[in-house]
Amino acid sequence: MPRIAILDDYQDVALKLADWSKLPGGCDLVVFNDHLADENAIAERLESFEMVVLNRERTPFRRGLFELLPNLLLLVTFGLRNASIDVEAATEHGVTVCGTNTLGYPTSELTWGLILCLFRNLPGEIQAMREGAWQQTVGHSLRGKVLGVIGLGRLGVPVAKIGLAFGMEVIAWSPNLTDDRAREHGATLTSKAELFSRSDVITIHMPLSDRSRGIIAAEDIAQMKETAYLVNTSRGPLVDEPALISALEDNRIAGAGLDVFDVEPLPEAHPLRRMKNAVVTPHIGYVDEENYRTAFAGVIEVIQAWLDGKPIRVIT
């Protein structure tokens, strides 16, 4: 029976949140809680495993890594899309890539957590309370403000609906968004330029691909109001990170709420960790118990199906 590696289980919960006894007897399941970035170190760790389970994009699988793992037969990822996997290289090396179902709403919920933190200065006020102070800042209301949603899909739609519930005006844009779809969800389709110039808070909900990488460029950020916020819970490389950092450093925008970054884990010396006008979280949008239970159950289903010779949720 195969050896199965689960990578990047930061919280050490993989074995607790699924019934791994459903796997056939003899499967050797090994969980790794740390993160390796060096490709050769990853290959050395995984050389004896036939199956590897990825927690989203925490460990990229590029062509060079497949070349170093001749024993690998099955790669399973949380979700049905993973931009960090070279699926073409996997196919060439005889590796089947499969995904799991996941929940969308945990990320949408975190989006609003970040927005509220920014508008009401929650991180600073909480820290001030711990230090014995009282009422240090004056916050802002959401009602009557303009919410700009980039990507009105599975994650963007619930974010837009919550904005409407707060009494906000919701405008939206993405390369393929239609006026009918925007109106269906209570939003108004605008141009990209209008969204950036009018919005009081902009939130990004697009998948990362070759076409969407860097879709939020320096010139887009430059159109934002000085009082506006940018929130990203999708993928770091969607945004020109150096341009965003520059805008935050120069106070050309009011702030940013970020759960995703160009490099993850975010380096300890990264400037975003120390900026008072940036609320940053460690890519936890999808990290909740309900979502993990769904994903790990899906992993077990994928492994069972592959062992039966009938792969499911194959990513091509």
C-alpha atoms as a PDB file:
ATOM      1  CA  MET A   1       0.000   0.000   0.000  1.00  0.00           C
ATOM      2  CA  PRO A   2       1.169   3.553  -0.661  1.00  0.00           C
ATOM      3  CA  ARG A   3       2.910   6.066   1.548  1.00  0.00           C
ATOM      4  CA  ILE A   4       0.904   9.282   1.835  1.00  0.00           C
ATOM      5  CA  ALA A   5       2.361  12.638   2.888  1.00  0.00           C
ATOM      6  CA  ILE A   6       0.267  15.553   4.097  1.00  0.00           C
ATOM      7  CA  LEU A   7       2.233  18.787   3.833  1.00  0.00           C
ATOM      8  CA  ASP A   8       2.144  22.088   5.720  1.00  0.00           C
ATOM      9  CA  ASP A   9      -0.302  21.121   8.460  1.00  0.00           C
ATOM     10  CA  TYR A  10       0.608  24.268  10.389  1.00  0.00           C
ATOM     11  CA  GLN A  11      -1.994  23.801  13.123  1.00  0.00           C
ATOM     12  CA  ASP A  12      -1.429  20.025  13.504  1.00  0.00           C
ATOM     13  CA  VAL A  13      -5.102  19.244  12.876  1.00  0.00           C
ATOM     14  CA  ALA A  14      -5.111  16.941   9.839  1.00  0.00           C
ATOM     15  CA  LEU A  15      -5.422  13.726  11.833  1.00  0.00           C
ATOM     16  CA  LYS A  16      -8.096  15.206  14.108  1.00  0.00           C
ATOM     17  CA  LEU A  17     -10.482  16.563  11.477  1.00  0.00           C
ATOM     18  CA  ALA A  18     -11.069  13.485   9.301  1.00  0.00           C
ATOM     19  CA  ASP A  19     -11.665   9.773   9.658  1.00  0.00           C
ATOM     20  CA  TRP A  20      -8.488   8.418   8.113  1.00  0.00           C
ATOM     21  CA  SER A  21      -9.471   4.880   9.137  1.00  0.00           C
ATOM     22  CA  LYS A  22     -11.585   4.868   5.968  1.00  0.00           C
ATOM     23  CA  LEU A  23      -8.398   4.398   3.965  1.00  0.00           C
ATOM     24  CA  PRO A  24      -7.467   0.795   3.175  1.00  0.00           C
ATOM     25  CA  GLY A  25      -5.318  -0.950   5.737  1.00  0.00           C
ATOM     26  CA  GLY A  26      -1.631  -0.668   5.128  1.00  0.00           C
ATOM     27  CA  CYS A  27      -1.629   2.958   3.959  1.00  0.00           C
ATOM     28  CA  ASP A  28       1.271   4.767   5.605  1.00  0.00           C
ATOM     29  CA  LEU A  29       0.107   8.283   6.441  1.00  0.00           C
ATOM     30  CA  VAL A  30       2.723  10.855   7.485  1.00  0.00           C
ATOM     31  CA  VAL A  31       1.893  14.451   8.427  1.00  0.00           C
ATOM     32  CA  PHE A  32       4.399  17.301   8.225  1.00  0.00           C
ATOM     33  CA  ASN A  33       3.641  20.398  10.283  1.00  0.00           C
ATOM     34  CA  ASP A  34       6.548  22.553   9.130  1.00  0.00           C
ATOM     35  CA  HIS A  35       7.067  24.293   5.792  1.00  0.00           C
ATOM     36  CA  LEU A  36       9.971  23.689   3.424  1.00  0.00           C
ATOM     37  CA  ALA A  37      10.750  26.210   0.688  1.00  0.00           C
ATOM     38  CA  ASP A  38      13.848  24.641  -0.876  1.00  0.00           C
ATOM     39  CA  GLU A  39      12.905  22.344  -3.760  1.00  0.00           C
ATOM     40  CA  ASN A  40      15.728  19.893  -3.115  1.00  0.00           C
ATOM     41  CA  ALA A  41      14.788  19.631   0.560  1.00  0.00           C
ATOM     42  CA  ILE A  42      11.172  18.972  -0.417  1.00  0.00           C
ATOM     43  CA  ALA A  43      12.236  16.284  -2.867  1.00  0.00           C
ATOM     44  CA  GLU A  44      14.439  14.608  -0.269  1.00  0.00           C
ATOM     45  CA  ARG A  45      11.553  14.558   2.201  1.00  0.00           C
ATOM     46  CA  LEU A  46       9.064  13.154  -0.297  1.00  0.00           C
ATOM     47  CA  GLU A  47      11.189  10.744  -2.326  1.00  0.00           C
ATOM     48  CA  SER A  48       9.617   7.636  -0.778  1.00  0.00           C
ATOM     49  CA  PHE A  49       5.974   8.794  -1.051  1.00  0.00           C
ATOM     50  CA  GLU A  50       3.578   7.764  -3.814  1.00  0.00           C
ATOM     51  CA  MET A  51       0.877  10.243  -2.764  1.00  0.00           C
ATOM     52  CA  VAL A  52       1.165  13.834  -1.558  1.00  0.00           C
ATOM     53  CA  VAL A  53      -1.611  16.036  -0.130  1.00  0.00           C
ATOM     54  CA  LEU A  54      -1.256  19.794  -0.556  1.00  0.00           C
ATOM     55  CA  ASN A  55      -2.919  22.375   1.657  1.00  0.00           C
ATOM     56  CA  ARG A  56      -3.755  24.892  -1.077  1.00  0.00           C
ATOM     57  CA  GLU A  57      -0.659  26.636  -2.536  1.00  0.00           C
ATOM     58  CA  ARG A  58       1.534  26.385   0.549  1.00  0.00           C
ATOM     59  CA  THR A  59       4.049  24.173  -1.300  1.00  0.00           C
ATOM     60  CA  PRO A  60       4.249  24.814  -5.062  1.00  0.00           C
ATOM     61  CA  PHE A  61       4.757  21.836  -7.339  1.00  0.00           C
ATOM     62  CA  ARG A  62       6.669  23.000 -10.424  1.00  0.00           C
ATOM     63  CA  ARG A  63       8.247  20.946 -13.188  1.00  0.00           C
ATOM     64  CA  GLY A  64      11.588  20.637 -11.429  1.00  0.00           C
ATOM     65  CA  LEU A  65       9.997  19.046  -8.383  1.00  0.00           C
ATOM     66  CA  PHE A  66       8.150  16.427 -10.425  1.00  0.00           C
ATOM     67  CA  GLU A  67      11.459  15.534 -12.062  1.00  0.00           C
ATOM     68  CA  LEU A  68      12.937  14.872  -8.614  1.00  0.00           C
ATOM     69  CA  LEU A  69      10.064  12.609  -7.482  1.00  0.00           C
ATOM     70  CA  PRO A  70       9.913   9.543  -9.744  1.00  0.00           C
ATOM     71  CA  ASN A  71       7.847   7.583  -7.202  1.00  0.00           C
ATOM     72  CA  LEU A  72       5.044  10.139  -7.031  1.00  0.00           C
ATOM     73  CA  LEU A  73       1.765   8.910  -8.536  1.00  0.00           C
ATOM     74  CA  LEU A  74      -1.001  11.064  -7.017  1.00  0.00           C
ATOM     75  CA  LEU A  75      -1.101  14.711  -5.980  1.00  0.00           C
ATOM     76  CA  VAL A  76      -4.176  15.916  -4.077  1.00  0.00           C
ATOM     77  CA  THR A  77      -4.904  19.589  -3.452  1.00  0.00           C
ATOM     78  CA  PHE A  78      -7.508  21.388  -1.385  1.00  0.00           C
ATOM     79  CA  GLY A  79      -9.906  22.942  -3.897  1.00  0.00           C
ATOM     80  CA  LEU A  80     -10.503  22.293  -7.571  1.00  0.00           C
ATOM     81  CA  ARG A  81      -7.950  24.832  -8.797  1.00  0.00           C
ATOM     82  CA  ASN A  82      -4.337  25.331  -7.758  1.00  0.00           C
ATOM     83  CA  ALA A  83      -2.194  27.778  -9.706  1.00  0.00           C
ATOM     84  CA  SER A  84       0.972  26.577  -7.952  1.00  0.00           C
ATOM     85  CA  ILE A  85       0.822  23.120  -9.587  1.00  0.00           C
ATOM     86  CA  ASP A  86       2.325  22.570 -13.042  1.00  0.00           C
ATOM     87  CA  VAL A  87      -0.397  20.184 -14.172  1.00  0.00           C
ATOM     88  CA  GLU A  88       1.184  19.714 -17.595  1.00  0.00           C
ATOM     89  CA  ALA A  89       4.450  18.586 -16.002  1.00  0.00           C
ATOM     90  CA  ALA A  90       2.523  16.300 -13.662  1.00  0.00           C
ATOM     91  CA  THR A  91       0.817  14.607 -16.602  1.00  0.00           C
ATOM     92  CA  GLU A  92       4.117  14.186 -18.428  1.00  0.00           C
ATOM     93  CA  HIS A  93       5.559  12.464 -15.348  1.00  0.00           C
ATOM     94  CA  GLY A  94       2.597  10.154 -14.895  1.00  0.00           C
ATOM     95  CA  VAL A  95       1.190  11.946 -11.854  1.00  0.00           C
ATOM     96  CA  THR A  96      -2.580  12.311 -11.464  1.00  0.00           C
ATOM     97  CA  VAL A  97      -3.652  15.616  -9.927  1.00  0.00           C
ATOM     98  CA  CYS A  98      -6.996  15.696  -8.108  1.00  0.00           C
ATOM     99  CA  GLY A  99      -8.845  18.254  -6.013  1.00  0.00           C
ATOM    100  CA  THR A 100     -11.435  18.449  -3.271  1.00  0.00           C
ATOM    101  CA  ASN A 101     -14.536  20.463  -2.653  1.00  0.00           C
ATOM    102  CA  THR A 102     -14.147  23.444  -0.336  1.00  0.00           C
ATOM    103  CA  LEU A 103     -16.430  26.055   1.194  1.00  0.00           C
ATOM    104  CA  GLY A 104     -16.455  29.595  -0.139  1.00  0.00           C
ATOM    105  CA  TYR A 105     -18.080  31.485   2.694  1.00  0.00           C
ATOM    106  CA  PRO A 106     -15.213  31.368   5.230  1.00  0.00           C
ATOM    107  CA  THR A 107     -13.124  33.641   2.995  1.00  0.00           C
ATOM    108  CA  SER A 108     -16.059  35.969   2.367  1.00  0.00           C
ATOM    109  CA  GLU A 109     -16.595  36.220   6.115  1.00  0.00           C
ATOM    110  CA  LEU A 110     -12.942  37.067   6.745  1.00  0.00           C
ATOM    111  CA  THR A 111     -13.162  39.756   4.069  1.00  0.00           C
ATOM    112  CA  TRP A 112     -15.714  41.574   6.177  1.00  0.00           C
ATOM    113  CA  GLY A 113     -13.615  41.059   9.272  1.00  0.00           C
ATOM    114  CA  LEU A 114     -10.780  42.921   7.566  1.00  0.00           C
ATOM    115  CA  ILE A 115     -13.081  45.659   6.279  1.00  0.00           C
ATOM    116  CA  LEU A 116     -14.508  46.275   9.744  1.00  0.00           C
ATOM    117  CA  CYS A 117     -11.012  46.294  11.250  1.00  0.00           C
ATOM    118  CA  LEU A 118      -9.996  48.999   8.800  1.00  0.00           C
ATOM    119  CA  PHE A 119     -13.079  51.201   9.103  1.00  0.00           C
ATOM    120  CA  ARG A 120     -13.235  51.032  12.918  1.00  0.00           C
ATOM    121  CA  ASN A 121      -9.496  50.821  13.692  1.00  0.00           C
ATOM    122  CA  LEU A 122     -10.081  47.630  15.663  1.00  0.00           C
ATOM    123  CA  PRO A 123      -6.493  46.298  15.852  1.00  0.00           C
ATOM    124  CA  GLY A 124      -5.192  49.592  17.246  1.00  0.00           C
ATOM    125  CA  GLU A 125      -8.045  50.031  19.701  1.00  0.00           C
ATOM    126  CA  ILE A 126      -7.721  46.447  20.952  1.00  0.00           C
ATOM    127  CA  GLN A 127      -3.981  46.897  21.474  1.00  0.00           C
ATOM    128  CA  ALA A 128      -4.580  50.226  23.220  1.00  0.00           C
ATOM    129  CA  MET A 129      -7.037  48.573  25.620  1.00  0.00           C
ATOM    130  CA  ARG A 130      -4.416  45.943  26.473  1.00  0.00           C
ATOM    131  CA  GLU A 131      -1.993  48.764  27.253  1.00  0.00           C
ATOM    132  CA  GLY A 132      -4.460  50.566  29.529  1.00  0.00           C
ATOM    133  CA  ALA A 133      -5.554  53.317  27.125  1.00  0.00           C
ATOM    134  CA  TRP A 134      -9.087  54.333  26.106  1.00  0.00           C
ATOM    135  CA  GLN A 135     -10.599  55.601  22.800  1.00  0.00           C
ATOM    136  CA  GLN A 136      -7.607  56.468  20.660  1.00  0.00           C
ATOM    137  CA  THR A 137      -9.171  56.892  17.218  1.00  0.00           C
ATOM    138  CA  VAL A 138     -12.327  57.953  15.376  1.00  0.00           C
ATOM    139  CA  GLY A 139     -13.688  55.341  13.012  1.00  0.00           C
ATOM    140  CA  HIS A 140     -15.936  55.425   9.961  1.00  0.00           C
ATOM    141  CA  SER A 141     -19.371  53.989   9.208  1.00  0.00           C
ATOM    142  CA  LEU A 142     -20.095  51.697   6.268  1.00  0.00           C
ATOM    143  CA  ARG A 143     -23.598  52.930   5.474  1.00  0.00           C
ATOM    144  CA  GLY A 144     -23.616  55.148   2.414  1.00  0.00           C
ATOM    145  CA  LYS A 145     -20.070  54.233   1.402  1.00  0.00           C
ATOM    146  CA  VAL A 146     -19.160  52.722  -1.975  1.00  0.00           C
ATOM    147  CA  LEU A 147     -18.010  49.097  -2.032  1.00  0.00           C
ATOM    148  CA  GLY A 148     -16.053  48.111  -5.122  1.00  0.00           C
ATOM    149  CA  VAL A 149     -16.039  44.357  -5.779  1.00  0.00           C
ATOM    150  CA  ILE A 150     -13.509  42.988  -8.257  1.00  0.00           C
ATOM    151  CA  GLY A 151     -14.801  39.583  -9.335  1.00  0.00           C
ATOM    152  CA  LEU A 152     -18.477  38.856  -8.782  1.00  0.00           C
ATOM    153  CA  GLY A 153     -18.284  35.078  -8.538  1.00  0.00           C
ATOM    154  CA  ARG A 154     -18.536  32.450  -5.838  1.00  0.00           C
ATOM    155  CA  LEU A 155     -16.751  34.600  -3.254  1.00  0.00           C
ATOM    156  CA  GLY A 156     -17.546  38.057  -4.532  1.00  0.00           C
ATOM    157  CA  VAL A 157     -21.324  37.624  -4.541  1.00  0.00           C
ATOM    158  CA  PRO A 158     -21.735  37.012  -0.777  1.00  0.00           C
ATOM    159  CA  VAL A 159     -19.380  39.909  -0.073  1.00  0.00           C
ATOM    160  CA  ALA A 160     -21.553  42.156  -2.247  1.00  0.00           C
ATOM    161  CA  LYS A 161     -24.733  40.999  -0.503  1.00  0.00           C
ATOM    162  CA  ILE A 162     -23.303  41.818   2.915  1.00  0.00           C
ATOM    163  CA  GLY A 163     -22.304  45.243   1.613  1.00  0.00           C
ATOM    164  CA  LEU A 164     -25.887  45.840   0.553  1.00  0.00           C
ATOM    165  CA  ALA A 165     -27.077  44.739   4.000  1.00  0.00           C
ATOM    166  CA  PHE A 166     -24.802  47.407   5.529  1.00  0.00           C
ATOM    167  CA  GLY A 167     -26.478  50.011   3.316  1.00  0.00           C
ATOM    168  CA  MET A 168     -23.523  50.452   0.974  1.00  0.00           C
ATOM    169  CA  GLU A 169     -23.622  51.189  -2.730  1.00  0.00           C
ATOM    170  CA  VAL A 170     -22.056  48.208  -4.494  1.00  0.00           C
ATOM    171  CA  ILE A 171     -20.228  48.589  -7.787  1.00  0.00           C
ATOM    172  CA  ALA A 172     -18.366  45.785  -9.522  1.00  0.00           C
ATOM    173  CA  TRP A 173     -15.897  45.029 -12.278  1.00  0.00           C
ATOM    174  CA  SER A 174     -14.004  42.114 -13.755  1.00  0.00           C
ATOM    175  CA  PRO A 175     -12.857  41.400 -17.325  1.00  0.00           C
ATOM    176  CA  ASN A 176     -15.877  39.220 -18.116  1.00  0.00           C
ATOM    177  CA  LEU A 177     -18.552  40.657 -15.842  1.00  0.00           C
ATOM    178  CA  THR A 178     -21.824  41.525 -17.574  1.00  0.00           C
ATOM    179  CA  ASP A 179     -24.351  44.173 -16.675  1.00  0.00           C
ATOM    180  CA  ASP A 180     -27.058  41.532 -16.197  1.00  0.00           C
ATOM    181  CA  ARG A 181     -24.980  39.516 -13.719  1.00  0.00           C
ATOM    182  CA  ALA A 182     -24.046  42.620 -11.754  1.00  0.00           C
ATOM    183  CA  ARG A 183     -27.674  43.743 -11.504  1.00  0.00           C
ATOM    184  CA  GLU A 184     -28.746  40.219 -10.546  1.00  0.00           C
ATOM    185  CA  HIS A 185     -26.691  40.574  -7.367  1.00  0.00           C
ATOM    186  CA  GLY A 186     -27.554  44.172  -6.558  1.00  0.00           C
ATOM    187  CA  ALA A 187     -24.388  45.691  -7.993  1.00  0.00           C
ATOM    188  CA  THR A 188     -23.740  48.195 -10.761  1.00  0.00           C
ATOM    189  CA  LEU A 189     -21.213  47.293 -13.446  1.00  0.00           C
ATOM    190  CA  THR A 190     -18.576  49.987 -13.872  1.00  0.00           C
ATOM    191  CA  SER A 191     -15.303  50.366 -15.678  1.00  0.00           C
ATOM    192  CA  LYS A 192     -12.140  49.419 -13.829  1.00  0.00           C
ATOM    193  CA  ALA A 193     -11.078  53.062 -13.673  1.00  0.00           C
ATOM    194  CA  GLU A 194     -14.403  54.189 -12.207  1.00  0.00           C
ATOM    195  CA  LEU A 195     -14.344  51.437  -9.593  1.00  0.00           C
ATOM    196  CA  PHE A 196     -10.898  52.492  -8.372  1.00  0.00           C
ATOM    197  CA  SER A 197     -11.680  56.214  -8.373  1.00  0.00           C
ATOM    198  CA  ARG A 198     -15.121  55.991  -6.696  1.00  0.00           C
ATOM    199  CA  SER A 199     -14.814  53.169  -4.154  1.00  0.00           C
ATOM    200  CA  ASP A 200     -14.327  53.749  -0.441  1.00  0.00           C
ATOM    201  CA  VAL A 201     -13.181  50.157  -0.109  1.00  0.00           C
ATOM    202  CA  ILE A 202     -12.141  47.776  -2.880  1.00  0.00           C
ATOM    203  CA  THR A 203     -12.201  44.026  -2.322  1.00  0.00           C
ATOM    204  CA  ILE A 204     -10.670  41.473  -4.691  1.00  0.00           C
ATOM    205  CA  HIS A 205     -12.262  38.095  -5.454  1.00  0.00           C
ATOM    206  CA  MET A 206     -10.603  36.630  -8.545  1.00  0.00           C
ATOM    207  CA  PRO A 207      -8.672  33.406  -9.171  1.00  0.00           C
ATOM    208  CA  LEU A 208      -4.984  33.726  -9.959  1.00  0.00           C
ATOM    209  CA  SER A 209      -4.006  32.836 -13.526  1.00  0.00           C
ATOM    210  CA  ASP A 210      -1.530  34.009 -16.135  1.00  0.00           C
ATOM    211  CA  ARG A 211      -4.129  36.537 -17.308  1.00  0.00           C
ATOM    212  CA  SER A 212      -5.046  37.868 -13.867  1.00  0.00           C
ATOM    213  CA  ARG A 213      -1.538  38.076 -12.395  1.00  0.00           C
ATOM    214  CA  GLY A 214      -0.842  41.732 -11.635  1.00  0.00           C
ATOM    215  CA  ILE A 215      -4.341  42.772 -12.691  1.00  0.00           C
ATOM    216  CA  ILE A 216      -4.270  45.422  -9.939  1.00  0.00           C
ATOM    217  CA  ALA A 217      -1.400  47.551 -11.195  1.00  0.00           C
ATOM    218  CA  ALA A 218       0.344  50.671  -9.893  1.00  0.00           C
ATOM    219  CA  GLU A 219      -1.810  52.900 -12.107  1.00  0.00           C
ATOM    220  CA  ASP A 220      -4.968  51.379 -10.612  1.00  0.00           C
ATOM    221  CA  ILE A 221      -3.816  52.001  -7.049  1.00  0.00           C
ATOM    222  CA  ALA A 222      -2.885  55.548  -8.041  1.00  0.00           C
ATOM    223  CA  GLN A 223      -6.549  56.229  -8.922  1.00  0.00           C
ATOM    224  CA  MET A 224      -7.783  55.388  -5.413  1.00  0.00           C
ATOM    225  CA  LYS A 225      -8.962  58.106  -3.050  1.00  0.00           C
ATOM    226  CA  GLU A 226      -6.688  58.966  -0.129  1.00  0.00           C
ATOM    227  CA  THR A 227      -9.487  57.844   2.179  1.00  0.00           C
ATOM    228  CA  ALA A 228     -10.001  54.455   0.454  1.00  0.00           C
ATOM    229  CA  TYR A 229      -8.963  50.967   1.493  1.00  0.00           C
ATOM    230  CA  LEU A 230      -7.858  47.927  -0.534  1.00  0.00           C
ATOM    231  CA  VAL A 231      -8.711  44.429   0.693  1.00  0.00           C
ATOM    232  CA  ASN A 232      -7.291  41.230  -0.801  1.00  0.00           C
ATOM    233  CA  THR A 233      -8.308  37.771   0.410  1.00  0.00           C
ATOM    234  CA  SER A 234      -7.807  36.070  -2.962  1.00  0.00           C
ATOM    235  CA  ARG A 235      -4.159  35.766  -4.034  1.00  0.00           C
ATOM    236  CA  GLY A 236      -1.209  38.069  -3.433  1.00  0.00           C
ATOM    237  CA  PRO A 237       0.151  38.203  -7.009  1.00  0.00           C
ATOM    238  CA  LEU A 238      -3.124  39.691  -8.273  1.00  0.00           C
ATOM    239  CA  VAL A 239      -1.809  42.999  -6.888  1.00  0.00           C
ATOM    240  CA  ASP A 240       1.410  44.853  -7.653  1.00  0.00           C
ATOM    241  CA  GLU A 241       2.712  44.438  -4.105  1.00  0.00           C
ATOM    242  CA  PRO A 242       5.595  46.967  -4.317  1.00  0.00           C
ATOM    243  CA  ALA A 243       3.175  49.593  -5.657  1.00  0.00           C
ATOM    244  CA  LEU A 244       0.746  48.886  -2.822  1.00  0.00           C
ATOM    245  CA  ILE A 245       3.500  49.117  -0.219  1.00  0.00           C
ATOM    246  CA  SER A 246       4.628  52.435  -1.691  1.00  0.00           C
ATOM    247  CA  ALA A 247       1.077  53.810  -1.553  1.00  0.00           C
ATOM    248  CA  LEU A 248       0.740  52.737   2.079  1.00  0.00           C
ATOM    249  CA  GLU A 249       4.120  54.160   3.068  1.00  0.00           C
ATOM    250  CA  ASP A 250       3.284  57.517   1.480  1.00  0.00           C
ATOM    251  CA  ASN A 251      -0.289  57.515   2.865  1.00  0.00           C
ATOM    252  CA  ARG A 252      -1.677  57.869  -0.650  1.00  0.00           C
ATOM    253  CA  ILE A 253      -4.446  55.478   0.408  1.00  0.00           C
ATOM    254  CA  ALA A 254      -5.957  55.046   3.858  1.00  0.00           C
ATOM    255  CA  GLY A 255      -4.955  51.437   4.327  1.00  0.00           C
ATOM    256  CA  ALA A 256      -5.128  47.817   3.249  1.00  0.00           C
ATOM    257  CA  GLY A 257      -6.486  44.572   4.640  1.00  0.00           C
ATOM    258  CA  LEU A 258      -4.451  41.645   3.353  1.00  0.00           C
ATOM    259  CA  ASP A 259      -4.715  37.911   3.926  1.00  0.00           C
ATOM    260  CA  VAL A 260      -2.532  36.919   0.956  1.00  0.00           C
ATOM    261  CA  PHE A 261       0.933  37.888  -0.226  1.00  0.00           C
ATOM    262  CA  ASP A 262       3.454  37.383  -3.020  1.00  0.00           C
ATOM    263  CA  VAL A 263       5.601  35.162  -0.800  1.00  0.00           C
ATOM    264  CA  GLU A 264       4.045  32.943   1.864  1.00  0.00           C
ATOM    265  CA  PRO A 265       4.691  32.546   4.707  1.00  0.00           C
ATOM    266  CA  LEU A 266       5.298  36.293   4.779  1.00  0.00           C
ATOM    267  CA  PRO A 267       8.979  36.903   5.687  1.00  0.00           C
ATOM    268  CA  GLU A 268       9.499  38.213   9.218  1.00  0.00           C
ATOM    269  CA  ALA A 269      11.217  41.364   7.969  1.00  0.00           C
ATOM    270  CA  HIS A 270       8.555  42.180   5.375  1.00  0.00           C
ATOM    271  CA  PRO A 271       7.413  45.826   5.587  1.00  0.00           C
ATOM    272  CA  LEU A 272       3.719  44.884   5.614  1.00  0.00           C
ATOM    273  CA  ARG A 273       4.201  43.319   9.055  1.00  0.00           C
ATOM    274  CA  ARG A 274       5.025  46.709  10.633  1.00  0.00           C
ATOM    275  CA  MET A 275       2.711  49.140   8.824  1.00  0.00           C
ATOM    276  CA  LYS A 276       0.062  50.690  11.065  1.00  0.00           C
ATOM    277  CA  ASN A 277      -2.255  51.273   8.087  1.00  0.00           C
ATOM    278  CA  ALA A 278      -2.152  47.604   7.032  1.00  0.00           C
ATOM    279  CA  VAL A 279      -4.216  44.899   8.718  1.00  0.00           C
ATOM    280  CA  VAL A 280      -2.527  41.621   7.801  1.00  0.00           C
ATOM    281  CA  THR A 281      -3.539  38.042   8.536  1.00  0.00           C
ATOM    282  CA  PRO A 282      -1.624  34.827   7.649  1.00  0.00           C
ATOM    283  CA  HIS A 283      -3.754  33.506   4.752  1.00  0.00           C
ATOM    284  CA  ILE A 284      -6.511  32.226   7.009  1.00  0.00           C
ATOM    285  CA  GLY A 285      -9.465  33.026   4.774  1.00  0.00           C
ATOM    286  CA  TYR A 286     -10.120  29.342   4.141  1.00  0.00           C
ATOM    287  CA  VAL A 287      -8.703  28.118   7.459  1.00  0.00           C
ATOM    288  CA  ASP A 288     -11.660  27.153   9.582  1.00  0.00           C
ATOM    289  CA  GLU A 289     -12.797  23.834  10.981  1.00  0.00           C
ATOM    290  CA  GLU A 290     -15.807  23.391   8.723  1.00  0.00           C
ATOM    291  CA  ASN A 291     -13.736  24.004   5.615  1.00  0.00           C
ATOM    292  CA  TYR A 292     -10.909  21.742   6.772  1.00  0.00           C
ATOM    293  CA  ARG A 293     -13.338  18.912   7.519  1.00  0.00           C
ATOM    294  CA  THR A 294     -14.811  19.277   4.022  1.00  0.00           C
ATOM    295  CA  ALA A 295     -11.387  19.303   2.372  1.00  0.00           C
ATOM    296  CA  PHE A 296      -9.876  16.403   4.310  1.00  0.00           C
ATOM    297  CA  ALA A 297     -12.987  14.291   3.696  1.00  0.00           C
ATOM    298  CA  GLY A 298     -12.488  15.047   0.022  1.00  0.00           C
ATOM    299  CA  VAL A 299      -8.857  13.957   0.223  1.00  0.00           C
ATOM    300  CA  ILE A 300      -9.926  10.570   1.579  1.00  0.00           C
ATOM    301  CA  GLU A 301     -12.492  10.210  -1.218  1.00  0.00           C
ATOM    302  CA  VAL A 302      -9.859  11.028  -3.841  1.00  0.00           C
ATOM    303  CA  ILE A 303      -7.358   8.512  -2.468  1.00  0.00           C
ATOM    304  CA  GLN A 304     -10.009   5.780  -2.229  1.00  0.00           C
ATOM    305  CA  ALA A 305     -11.159   6.406  -5.797  1.00  0.00           C
ATOM    306  CA  TRP A 306      -7.600   6.445  -7.139  1.00  0.00           C
ATOM    307  CA  LEU A 307      -6.781   3.165  -5.411  1.00  0.00           C
ATOM    308  CA  ASP A 308      -9.926   1.699  -6.993  1.00  0.00           C
ATOM    309  CA  GLY A 309      -8.692   2.776 -10.400  1.00  0.00           C
ATOM    310  CA  LYS A 310     -11.450   5.358 -10.824  1.00  0.00           C
ATOM    311  CA  PRO A 311      -9.929   8.819 -10.142  1.00  0.00           C
ATOM    312  CA  ILE A 312     -12.370  11.594  -9.264  1.00  0.00           C
ATOM    313  CA  ARG A 313     -12.123  15.394  -9.479  1.00  0.00           C
ATOM    314  CA  VAL A 314      -9.120  15.151 -11.793  1.00  0.00           C
ATOM    315  CA  ILE A 315      -7.532  18.526 -12.572  1.00  0.00           C
ATOM    316  CA  THR A 316      -6.362  18.843 -16.170  1.00  0.00           C
END
